[in-house]
Amino acid sequence: ELAAGLHAVFLLLFGIAVANMLAVMLLPKRRNMMAQQQ
């Protein structure tokens, strides 16, 4: 049961990590940020 509980948490952590990775891919490039700021 302890292992099943941890495994469920690890699966959720994986889902959050993948969602974060996808969100990070949408970040603008540095030159685009600098152009927008100027």
ModelCIF file with pLDDT and N, C-alpha, C, O atoms, coordinates in Angstrom:
data_MODEL
#
_entry.id   MODEL 
#
_entity.id                         1 
_entity.type                       polymer 
_entity.pdbx_number_of_molecules   1 
#
_entity_poly.entity_id                      1 
_entity_poly.type                           'polypeptide(L)' 
_entity_poly.nstd_linkage                   no 
_entity_poly.nstd_monomer                   no 
_entity_poly.pdbx_seq_one_letter_code       ELAAGLHAVFLLLFGIAVANMLAVMLLPKRRNMMAQQQ 
_entity_poly.pdbx_seq_one_letter_code_can   ELAAGLHAVFLLLFGIAVANMLAVMLLPKRRNMMAQQQ 
_entity_poly.pdbx_strand_id                 A 
#
loop_
_entity_poly_seq.entity_id 
_entity_poly_seq.num 
_entity_poly_seq.mon_id 
_entity_poly_seq.hetero 
1 1  GLU n 
1 2  LEU n 
1 3  ALA n 
1 4  ALA n 
1 5  GLY n 
1 6  LEU n 
1 7  HIS n 
1 8  ALA n 
1 9  VAL n 
1 10 PHE n 
1 11 LEU n 
1 12 LEU n 
1 13 LEU n 
1 14 PHE n 
1 15 GLY n 
1 16 ILE n 
1 17 ALA n 
1 18 VAL n 
1 19 ALA n 
1 20 ASN n 
1 21 MET n 
1 22 LEU n 
1 23 ALA n 
1 24 VAL n 
1 25 MET n 
1 26 LEU n 
1 27 LEU n 
1 28 PRO n 
1 29 LYS n 
1 30 ARG n 
1 31 ARG n 
1 32 ASN n 
1 33 MET n 
1 34 MET n 
1 35 ALA n 
1 36 GLN n 
1 37 GLN n 
1 38 GLN n 
#
_struct_asym.id          A 
_struct_asym.entity_id   1 
#
loop_
_ma_qa_metric.id 
_ma_qa_metric.mode 
_ma_qa_metric.name 
_ma_qa_metric.software_group_id 
_ma_qa_metric.type 
1 global pLDDT . pLDDT 
2 local  pLDDT . pLDDT 
#
_ma_qa_metric_global.metric_id      1 
_ma_qa_metric_global.metric_value   83.95 
_ma_qa_metric_global.model_id       1 
_ma_qa_metric_global.ordinal_id     1 
#
loop_
_ma_qa_metric_local.label_asym_id 
_ma_qa_metric_local.label_comp_id 
_ma_qa_metric_local.label_seq_id 
_ma_qa_metric_local.metric_id 
_ma_qa_metric_local.metric_value 
_ma_qa_metric_local.model_id 
_ma_qa_metric_local.ordinal_id 
A GLU 1  2 86.00 1 1  
A LEU 2  2 88.00 1 2  
A ALA 3  2 88.00 1 3  
A ALA 4  2 89.00 1 4  
A GLY 5  2 90.00 1 5  
A LEU 6  2 91.00 1 6  
A HIS 7  2 93.00 1 7  
A ALA 8  2 94.00 1 8  
A VAL 9  2 94.00 1 9  
A PHE 10 2 95.00 1 10 
A LEU 11 2 95.00 1 11 
A LEU 12 2 95.00 1 12 
A LEU 13 2 94.00 1 13 
A PHE 14 2 96.00 1 14 
A GLY 15 2 96.00 1 15 
A ILE 16 2 94.00 1 16 
A ALA 17 2 95.00 1 17 
A VAL 18 2 96.00 1 18 
A ALA 19 2 95.00 1 19 
A ASN 20 2 92.00 1 20 
A MET 21 2 93.00 1 21 
A LEU 22 2 93.00 1 22 
A ALA 23 2 91.00 1 23 
A VAL 24 2 89.00 1 24 
A MET 25 2 88.00 1 25 
A LEU 26 2 87.00 1 26 
A LEU 27 2 80.00 1 27 
A PRO 28 2 74.00 1 28 
A LYS 29 2 72.00 1 29 
A ARG 30 2 65.00 1 30 
A ARG 31 2 65.00 1 31 
A ASN 32 2 63.00 1 32 
A MET 33 2 60.00 1 33 
A MET 34 2 62.00 1 34 
A ALA 35 2 64.00 1 35 
A GLN 36 2 61.00 1 36 
A GLN 37 2 61.00 1 37 
A GLN 38 2 66.00 1 38 
#
loop_
_atom_site.group_PDB 
_atom_site.id 
_atom_site.type_symbol 
_atom_site.label_atom_id 
_atom_site.label_alt_id 
_atom_site.label_comp_id 
_atom_site.label_asym_id 
_atom_site.label_entity_id 
_atom_site.label_seq_id 
_atom_site.pdbx_PDB_ins_code 
_atom_site.Cartn_x 
_atom_site.Cartn_y 
_atom_site.Cartn_z 
_atom_site.occupancy 
_atom_site.B_iso_or_equiv 
_atom_site.pdbx_formal_charge 
_atom_site.auth_seq_id 
_atom_site.auth_comp_id 
_atom_site.auth_asym_id 
_atom_site.auth_atom_id 
_atom_site.pdbx_PDB_model_num 
ATOM 1   N N  . GLU A 1 1  ? 0.833  -1.209 0.000   1.00 86.00 ? 1  GLU A N  1 
ATOM 2   C CA . GLU A 1 1  ? 0.000  0.000  0.000   1.00 86.00 ? 1  GLU A CA 1 
ATOM 3   C C  . GLU A 1 1  ? 0.864  1.255  0.000   1.00 86.00 ? 1  GLU A C  1 
ATOM 4   O O  . GLU A 1 1  ? 0.569  2.217  -0.710  1.00 86.00 ? 1  GLU A O  1 
ATOM 5   N N  . LEU A 1 2  ? 1.926  1.246  0.792   1.00 88.00 ? 2  LEU A N  1 
ATOM 6   C CA . LEU A 1 2  ? 2.839  2.390  0.807   1.00 88.00 ? 2  LEU A CA 1 
ATOM 7   C C  . LEU A 1 2  ? 3.445  2.607  -0.574  1.00 88.00 ? 2  LEU A C  1 
ATOM 8   O O  . LEU A 1 2  ? 3.550  3.740  -1.045  1.00 88.00 ? 2  LEU A O  1 
ATOM 9   N N  . ALA A 1 3  ? 3.841  1.512  -1.219  1.00 88.00 ? 3  ALA A N  1 
ATOM 10  C CA . ALA A 1 3  ? 4.426  1.608  -2.561  1.00 88.00 ? 3  ALA A CA 1 
ATOM 11  C C  . ALA A 1 3  ? 3.393  2.090  -3.574  1.00 88.00 ? 3  ALA A C  1 
ATOM 12  O O  . ALA A 1 3  ? 3.716  2.886  -4.456  1.00 88.00 ? 3  ALA A O  1 
ATOM 13  N N  . ALA A 1 4  ? 2.155  1.616  -3.455  1.00 89.00 ? 4  ALA A N  1 
ATOM 14  C CA . ALA A 1 4  ? 1.106  2.050  -4.381  1.00 89.00 ? 4  ALA A CA 1 
ATOM 15  C C  . ALA A 1 4  ? 0.817  3.533  -4.206  1.00 89.00 ? 4  ALA A C  1 
ATOM 16  O O  . ALA A 1 4  ? 0.597  4.242  -5.188  1.00 89.00 ? 4  ALA A O  1 
ATOM 17  N N  . GLY A 1 5  ? 0.817  4.007  -2.963  1.00 90.00 ? 5  GLY A N  1 
ATOM 18  C CA . GLY A 1 5  ? 0.595  5.431  -2.714  1.00 90.00 ? 5  GLY A CA 1 
ATOM 19  C C  . GLY A 1 5  ? 1.705  6.282  -3.297  1.00 90.00 ? 5  GLY A C  1 
ATOM 20  O O  . GLY A 1 5  ? 1.449  7.310  -3.923  1.00 90.00 ? 5  GLY A O  1 
ATOM 21  N N  . LEU A 1 6  ? 2.940  5.849  -3.088  1.00 91.00 ? 6  LEU A N  1 
ATOM 22  C CA . LEU A 1 6  ? 4.072  6.595  -3.654  1.00 91.00 ? 6  LEU A CA 1 
ATOM 23  C C  . LEU A 1 6  ? 4.051  6.557  -5.176  1.00 91.00 ? 6  LEU A C  1 
ATOM 24  O O  . LEU A 1 6  ? 4.340  7.561  -5.828  1.00 91.00 ? 6  LEU A O  1 
ATOM 25  N N  . HIS A 1 7  ? 3.712  5.410  -5.742  1.00 93.00 ? 7  HIS A N  1 
ATOM 26  C CA . HIS A 1 7  ? 3.668  5.307  -7.202  1.00 93.00 ? 7  HIS A CA 1 
ATOM 27  C C  . HIS A 1 7  ? 2.617  6.252  -7.791  1.00 93.00 ? 7  HIS A C  1 
ATOM 28  O O  . HIS A 1 7  ? 2.845  6.865  -8.834  1.00 93.00 ? 7  HIS A O  1 
ATOM 29  N N  . ALA A 1 8  ? 1.472  6.366  -7.124  1.00 94.00 ? 8  ALA A N  1 
ATOM 30  C CA . ALA A 1 8  ? 0.434  7.295  -7.589  1.00 94.00 ? 8  ALA A CA 1 
ATOM 31  C C  . ALA A 1 8  ? 0.939  8.738  -7.543  1.00 94.00 ? 8  ALA A C  1 
ATOM 32  O O  . ALA A 1 8  ? 0.686  9.521  -8.460  1.00 94.00 ? 8  ALA A O  1 
ATOM 33  N N  . VAL A 1 9  ? 1.649  9.081  -6.478  1.00 94.00 ? 9  VAL A N  1 
ATOM 34  C CA . VAL A 1 9  ? 2.225  10.429 -6.368  1.00 94.00 ? 9  VAL A CA 1 
ATOM 35  C C  . VAL A 1 9  ? 3.265  10.648 -7.467  1.00 94.00 ? 9  VAL A C  1 
ATOM 36  O O  . VAL A 1 9  ? 3.314  11.717 -8.076  1.00 94.00 ? 9  VAL A O  1 
ATOM 37  N N  . PHE A 1 10 ? 4.096  9.629  -7.720  1.00 95.00 ? 10 PHE A N  1 
ATOM 38  C CA . PHE A 1 10 ? 5.116  9.754  -8.761  1.00 95.00 ? 10 PHE A CA 1 
ATOM 39  C C  . PHE A 1 10 ? 4.493  9.919  -10.143 1.00 95.00 ? 10 PHE A C  1 
ATOM 40  O O  . PHE A 1 10 ? 5.019  10.658 -10.974 1.00 95.00 ? 10 PHE A O  1 
ATOM 41  N N  . LEU A 1 11 ? 3.383  9.242  -10.394 1.00 95.00 ? 11 LEU A N  1 
ATOM 42  C CA . LEU A 1 11 ? 2.687  9.411  -11.676 1.00 95.00 ? 11 LEU A CA 1 
ATOM 43  C C  . LEU A 1 11 ? 2.169  10.840 -11.832 1.00 95.00 ? 11 LEU A C  1 
ATOM 44  O O  . LEU A 1 11 ? 2.284  11.435 -12.904 1.00 95.00 ? 11 LEU A O  1 
ATOM 45  N N  . LEU A 1 12 ? 1.599  11.385 -10.760 1.00 95.00 ? 12 LEU A N  1 
ATOM 46  C CA . LEU A 1 12 ? 1.127  12.769 -10.805 1.00 95.00 ? 12 LEU A CA 1 
ATOM 47  C C  . LEU A 1 12 ? 2.294  13.725 -11.003 1.00 95.00 ? 12 LEU A C  1 
ATOM 48  O O  . LEU A 1 12 ? 2.189  14.684 -11.768 1.00 95.00 ? 12 LEU A O  1 
ATOM 49  N N  . LEU A 1 13 ? 3.400  13.471 -10.322 1.00 94.00 ? 13 LEU A N  1 
ATOM 50  C CA . LEU A 1 13 ? 4.594  14.295 -10.488 1.00 94.00 ? 13 LEU A CA 1 
ATOM 51  C C  . LEU A 1 13 ? 5.074  14.266 -11.935 1.00 94.00 ? 13 LEU A C  1 
ATOM 52  O O  . LEU A 1 13 ? 5.467  15.298 -12.479 1.00 94.00 ? 13 LEU A O  1 
ATOM 53  N N  . PHE A 1 14 ? 5.044  13.096 -12.557 1.00 96.00 ? 14 PHE A N  1 
ATOM 54  C CA . PHE A 1 14 ? 5.433  12.987 -13.963 1.00 96.00 ? 14 PHE A CA 1 
ATOM 55  C C  . PHE A 1 14 ? 4.508  13.829 -14.840 1.00 96.00 ? 14 PHE A C  1 
ATOM 56  O O  . PHE A 1 14 ? 4.977  14.531 -15.736 1.00 96.00 ? 14 PHE A O  1 
ATOM 57  N N  . GLY A 1 15 ? 3.205  13.767 -14.591 1.00 96.00 ? 15 GLY A N  1 
ATOM 58  C CA . GLY A 1 15 ? 2.257  14.572 -15.366 1.00 96.00 ? 15 GLY A CA 1 
ATOM 59  C C  . GLY A 1 15 ? 2.523  16.065 -15.220 1.00 96.00 ? 15 GLY A C  1 
ATOM 60  O O  . GLY A 1 15 ? 2.463  16.812 -16.196 1.00 96.00 ? 15 GLY A O  1 
ATOM 61  N N  . ILE A 1 16 ? 2.812  16.490 -14.009 1.00 94.00 ? 16 ILE A N  1 
ATOM 62  C CA . ILE A 1 16 ? 3.114  17.904 -13.771 1.00 94.00 ? 16 ILE A CA 1 
ATOM 63  C C  . ILE A 1 16 ? 4.419  18.291 -14.461 1.00 94.00 ? 16 ILE A C  1 
ATOM 64  O O  . ILE A 1 16 ? 4.519  19.375 -15.034 1.00 94.00 ? 16 ILE A O  1 
ATOM 65  N N  . ALA A 1 17 ? 5.419  17.409 -14.408 1.00 95.00 ? 17 ALA A N  1 
ATOM 66  C CA . ALA A 1 17 ? 6.707  17.698 -15.054 1.00 95.00 ? 17 ALA A CA 1 
ATOM 67  C C  . ALA A 1 17 ? 6.545  17.822 -16.569 1.00 95.00 ? 17 ALA A C  1 
ATOM 68  O O  . ALA A 1 17 ? 7.152  18.695 -17.190 1.00 95.00 ? 17 ALA A O  1 
ATOM 69  N N  . VAL A 1 18 ? 5.740  16.965 -17.155 1.00 96.00 ? 18 VAL A N  1 
ATOM 70  C CA . VAL A 1 18 ? 5.500  17.041 -18.607 1.00 96.00 ? 18 VAL A CA 1 
ATOM 71  C C  . VAL A 1 18 ? 4.733  18.319 -18.950 1.00 96.00 ? 18 VAL A C  1 
ATOM 72  O O  . VAL A 1 18 ? 5.058  18.989 -19.930 1.00 96.00 ? 18 VAL A O  1 
ATOM 73  N N  . ALA A 1 19 ? 3.725  18.663 -18.156 1.00 95.00 ? 19 ALA A N  1 
ATOM 74  C CA . ALA A 1 19 ? 2.977  19.903 -18.398 1.00 95.00 ? 19 ALA A CA 1 
ATOM 75  C C  . ALA A 1 19 ? 3.894  21.113 -18.285 1.00 95.00 ? 19 ALA A C  1 
ATOM 76  O O  . ALA A 1 19 ? 3.792  22.049 -19.078 1.00 95.00 ? 19 ALA A O  1 
ATOM 77  N N  . ASN A 1 20 ? 4.785  21.098 -17.304 1.00 92.00 ? 20 ASN A N  1 
ATOM 78  C CA . ASN A 1 20 ? 5.758  22.182 -17.162 1.00 92.00 ? 20 ASN A CA 1 
ATOM 79  C C  . ASN A 1 20 ? 6.669  22.254 -18.376 1.00 92.00 ? 20 ASN A C  1 
ATOM 80  O O  . ASN A 1 20 ? 6.954  23.343 -18.875 1.00 92.00 ? 20 ASN A O  1 
ATOM 81  N N  . MET A 1 21 ? 7.125  21.117 -18.849 1.00 93.00 ? 21 MET A N  1 
ATOM 82  C CA . MET A 1 21 ? 8.009  21.080 -20.020 1.00 93.00 ? 21 MET A CA 1 
ATOM 83  C C  . MET A 1 21 ? 7.298  21.673 -21.242 1.00 93.00 ? 21 MET A C  1 
ATOM 84  O O  . MET A 1 21 ? 7.898  22.433 -22.002 1.00 93.00 ? 21 MET A O  1 
ATOM 85  N N  . LEU A 1 22 ? 6.043  21.331 -21.427 1.00 93.00 ? 22 LEU A N  1 
ATOM 86  C CA . LEU A 1 22 ? 5.288  21.879 -22.558 1.00 93.00 ? 22 LEU A CA 1 
ATOM 87  C C  . LEU A 1 22 ? 5.102  23.391 -22.413 1.00 93.00 ? 22 LEU A C  1 
ATOM 88  O O  . LEU A 1 22 ? 5.205  24.124 -23.397 1.00 93.00 ? 22 LEU A O  1 
ATOM 89  N N  . ALA A 1 23 ? 4.829  23.861 -21.196 1.00 91.00 ? 23 ALA A N  1 
ATOM 90  C CA . ALA A 1 23 ? 4.671  25.300 -20.970 1.00 91.00 ? 23 ALA A CA 1 
ATOM 91  C C  . ALA A 1 23 ? 5.976  26.042 -21.208 1.00 91.00 ? 23 ALA A C  1 
ATOM 92  O O  . ALA A 1 23 ? 5.975  27.145 -21.754 1.00 91.00 ? 23 ALA A O  1 
ATOM 93  N N  . VAL A 1 24 ? 7.078  25.448 -20.804 1.00 89.00 ? 24 VAL A N  1 
ATOM 94  C CA . VAL A 1 24 ? 8.392  26.075 -20.980 1.00 89.00 ? 24 VAL A CA 1 
ATOM 95  C C  . VAL A 1 24 ? 8.740  26.196 -22.466 1.00 89.00 ? 24 VAL A C  1 
ATOM 96  O O  . VAL A 1 24 ? 9.408  27.144 -22.879 1.00 89.00 ? 24 VAL A O  1 
ATOM 97  N N  . MET A 1 25 ? 8.290  25.248 -23.246 1.00 88.00 ? 25 MET A N  1 
ATOM 98  C CA . MET A 1 25 ? 8.567  25.296 -24.687 1.00 88.00 ? 25 MET A CA 1 
ATOM 99  C C  . MET A 1 25 ? 7.894  26.509 -25.339 1.00 88.00 ? 25 MET A C  1 
ATOM 100 O O  . MET A 1 25 ? 8.300  26.932 -26.421 1.00 88.00 ? 25 MET A O  1 
ATOM 101 N N  . LEU A 1 26 ? 6.874  27.066 -24.689 1.00 87.00 ? 26 LEU A N  1 
ATOM 102 C CA . LEU A 1 26 ? 6.165  28.227 -25.228 1.00 87.00 ? 26 LEU A CA 1 
ATOM 103 C C  . LEU A 1 26 ? 6.820  29.556 -24.860 1.00 87.00 ? 26 LEU A C  1 
ATOM 104 O O  . LEU A 1 26 ? 6.398  30.610 -25.334 1.00 87.00 ? 26 LEU A O  1 
ATOM 105 N N  . LEU A 1 27 ? 7.850  29.507 -24.017 1.00 80.00 ? 27 LEU A N  1 
ATOM 106 C CA . LEU A 1 27 ? 8.536  30.750 -23.658 1.00 80.00 ? 27 LEU A CA 1 
ATOM 107 C C  . LEU A 1 27 ? 9.152  31.392 -24.902 1.00 80.00 ? 27 LEU A C  1 
ATOM 108 O O  . LEU A 1 27 ? 9.672  30.689 -25.769 1.00 80.00 ? 27 LEU A O  1 
ATOM 109 N N  . PRO A 1 28 ? 9.096  32.718 -24.991 1.00 74.00 ? 28 PRO A N  1 
ATOM 110 C CA . PRO A 1 28 ? 9.729  33.373 -26.147 1.00 74.00 ? 28 PRO A CA 1 
ATOM 111 C C  . PRO A 1 28 ? 11.251 33.310 -26.041 1.00 74.00 ? 28 PRO A C  1 
ATOM 112 O O  . PRO A 1 28 ? 11.806 33.173 -24.951 1.00 74.00 ? 28 PRO A O  1 
ATOM 113 N N  . LYS A 1 29 ? 11.907 33.413 -27.180 1.00 72.00 ? 29 LYS A N  1 
ATOM 114 C CA . LYS A 1 29 ? 13.374 33.438 -27.194 1.00 72.00 ? 29 LYS A CA 1 
ATOM 115 C C  . LYS A 1 29 ? 13.859 34.763 -26.626 1.00 72.00 ? 29 LYS A C  1 
ATOM 116 O O  . LYS A 1 29 ? 13.120 35.748 -26.607 1.00 72.00 ? 29 LYS A O  1 
ATOM 117 N N  . ARG A 1 30 ? 15.092 34.781 -26.166 1.00 65.00 ? 30 ARG A N  1 
ATOM 118 C CA . ARG A 1 30 ? 15.655 35.971 -25.532 1.00 65.00 ? 30 ARG A CA 1 
ATOM 119 C C  . ARG A 1 30 ? 15.619 37.172 -26.473 1.00 65.00 ? 30 ARG A C  1 
ATOM 120 O O  . ARG A 1 30 ? 15.280 38.274 -26.043 1.00 65.00 ? 30 ARG A O  1 
ATOM 121 N N  . ARG A 1 31 ? 15.955 36.987 -27.717 1.00 65.00 ? 31 ARG A N  1 
ATOM 122 C CA . ARG A 1 31 ? 15.962 38.130 -28.643 1.00 65.00 ? 31 ARG A CA 1 
ATOM 123 C C  . ARG A 1 31 ? 14.557 38.690 -28.833 1.00 65.00 ? 31 ARG A C  1 
ATOM 124 O O  . ARG A 1 31 ? 14.392 39.898 -29.003 1.00 65.00 ? 31 ARG A O  1 
ATOM 125 N N  . ASN A 1 32 ? 13.536 37.824 -28.805 1.00 63.00 ? 32 ASN A N  1 
ATOM 126 C CA . ASN A 1 32 ? 12.159 38.307 -28.912 1.00 63.00 ? 32 ASN A CA 1 
ATOM 127 C C  . ASN A 1 32 ? 11.761 39.096 -27.667 1.00 63.00 ? 32 ASN A C  1 
ATOM 128 O O  . ASN A 1 32 ? 11.062 40.105 -27.763 1.00 63.00 ? 32 ASN A O  1 
ATOM 129 N N  . MET A 1 33 ? 12.210 38.633 -26.498 1.00 60.00 ? 33 MET A N  1 
ATOM 130 C CA . MET A 1 33 ? 11.910 39.365 -25.255 1.00 60.00 ? 33 MET A CA 1 
ATOM 131 C C  . MET A 1 33 ? 12.601 40.721 -25.264 1.00 60.00 ? 33 MET A C  1 
ATOM 132 O O  . MET A 1 33 ? 12.012 41.725 -24.865 1.00 60.00 ? 33 MET A O  1 
ATOM 133 N N  . MET A 1 34 ? 13.836 40.750 -25.715 1.00 62.00 ? 34 MET A N  1 
ATOM 134 C CA . MET A 1 34 ? 14.580 42.013 -25.742 1.00 62.00 ? 34 MET A CA 1 
ATOM 135 C C  . MET A 1 34 ? 13.949 42.987 -26.734 1.00 62.00 ? 34 MET A C  1 
ATOM 136 O O  . MET A 1 34 ? 13.836 44.179 -26.445 1.00 62.00 ? 34 MET A O  1 
ATOM 137 N N  . ALA A 1 35 ? 13.537 42.487 -27.905 1.00 64.00 ? 35 ALA A N  1 
ATOM 138 C CA . ALA A 1 35 ? 12.895 43.344 -28.896 1.00 64.00 ? 35 ALA A CA 1 
ATOM 139 C C  . ALA A 1 35 ? 11.574 43.897 -28.352 1.00 64.00 ? 35 ALA A C  1 
ATOM 140 O O  . ALA A 1 35 ? 11.249 45.064 -28.572 1.00 64.00 ? 35 ALA A O  1 
ATOM 141 N N  . GLN A 1 36 ? 10.832 43.073 -27.657 1.00 61.00 ? 36 GLN A N  1 
ATOM 142 C CA . GLN A 1 36 ? 9.554  43.515 -27.086 1.00 61.00 ? 36 GLN A CA 1 
ATOM 143 C C  . GLN A 1 36 ? 9.800  44.551 -26.000 1.00 61.00 ? 36 GLN A C  1 
ATOM 144 O O  . GLN A 1 36 ? 9.059  45.530 -25.906 1.00 61.00 ? 36 GLN A O  1 
ATOM 145 N N  . GLN A 1 37 ? 10.823 44.355 -25.181 1.00 61.00 ? 37 GLN A N  1 
ATOM 146 C CA . GLN A 1 37 ? 11.113 45.304 -24.116 1.00 61.00 ? 37 GLN A CA 1 
ATOM 147 C C  . GLN A 1 37 ? 11.553 46.649 -24.682 1.00 61.00 ? 37 GLN A C  1 
ATOM 148 O O  . GLN A 1 37 ? 11.162 47.698 -24.170 1.00 61.00 ? 37 GLN A O  1 
ATOM 149 N N  . GLN A 1 38 ? 12.361 46.621 -25.730 1.00 66.00 ? 38 GLN A N  1 
ATOM 150 C CA . GLN A 1 38 ? 12.809 47.882 -26.350 1.00 66.00 ? 38 GLN A CA 1 
ATOM 151 C C  . GLN A 1 38 ? 11.670 48.596 -27.033 1.00 66.00 ? 38 GLN A C  1 
ATOM 152 O O  . GLN A 1 38 ? 11.868 49.669 -27.604 1.00 66.00 ? 38 GLN A O  1 
#
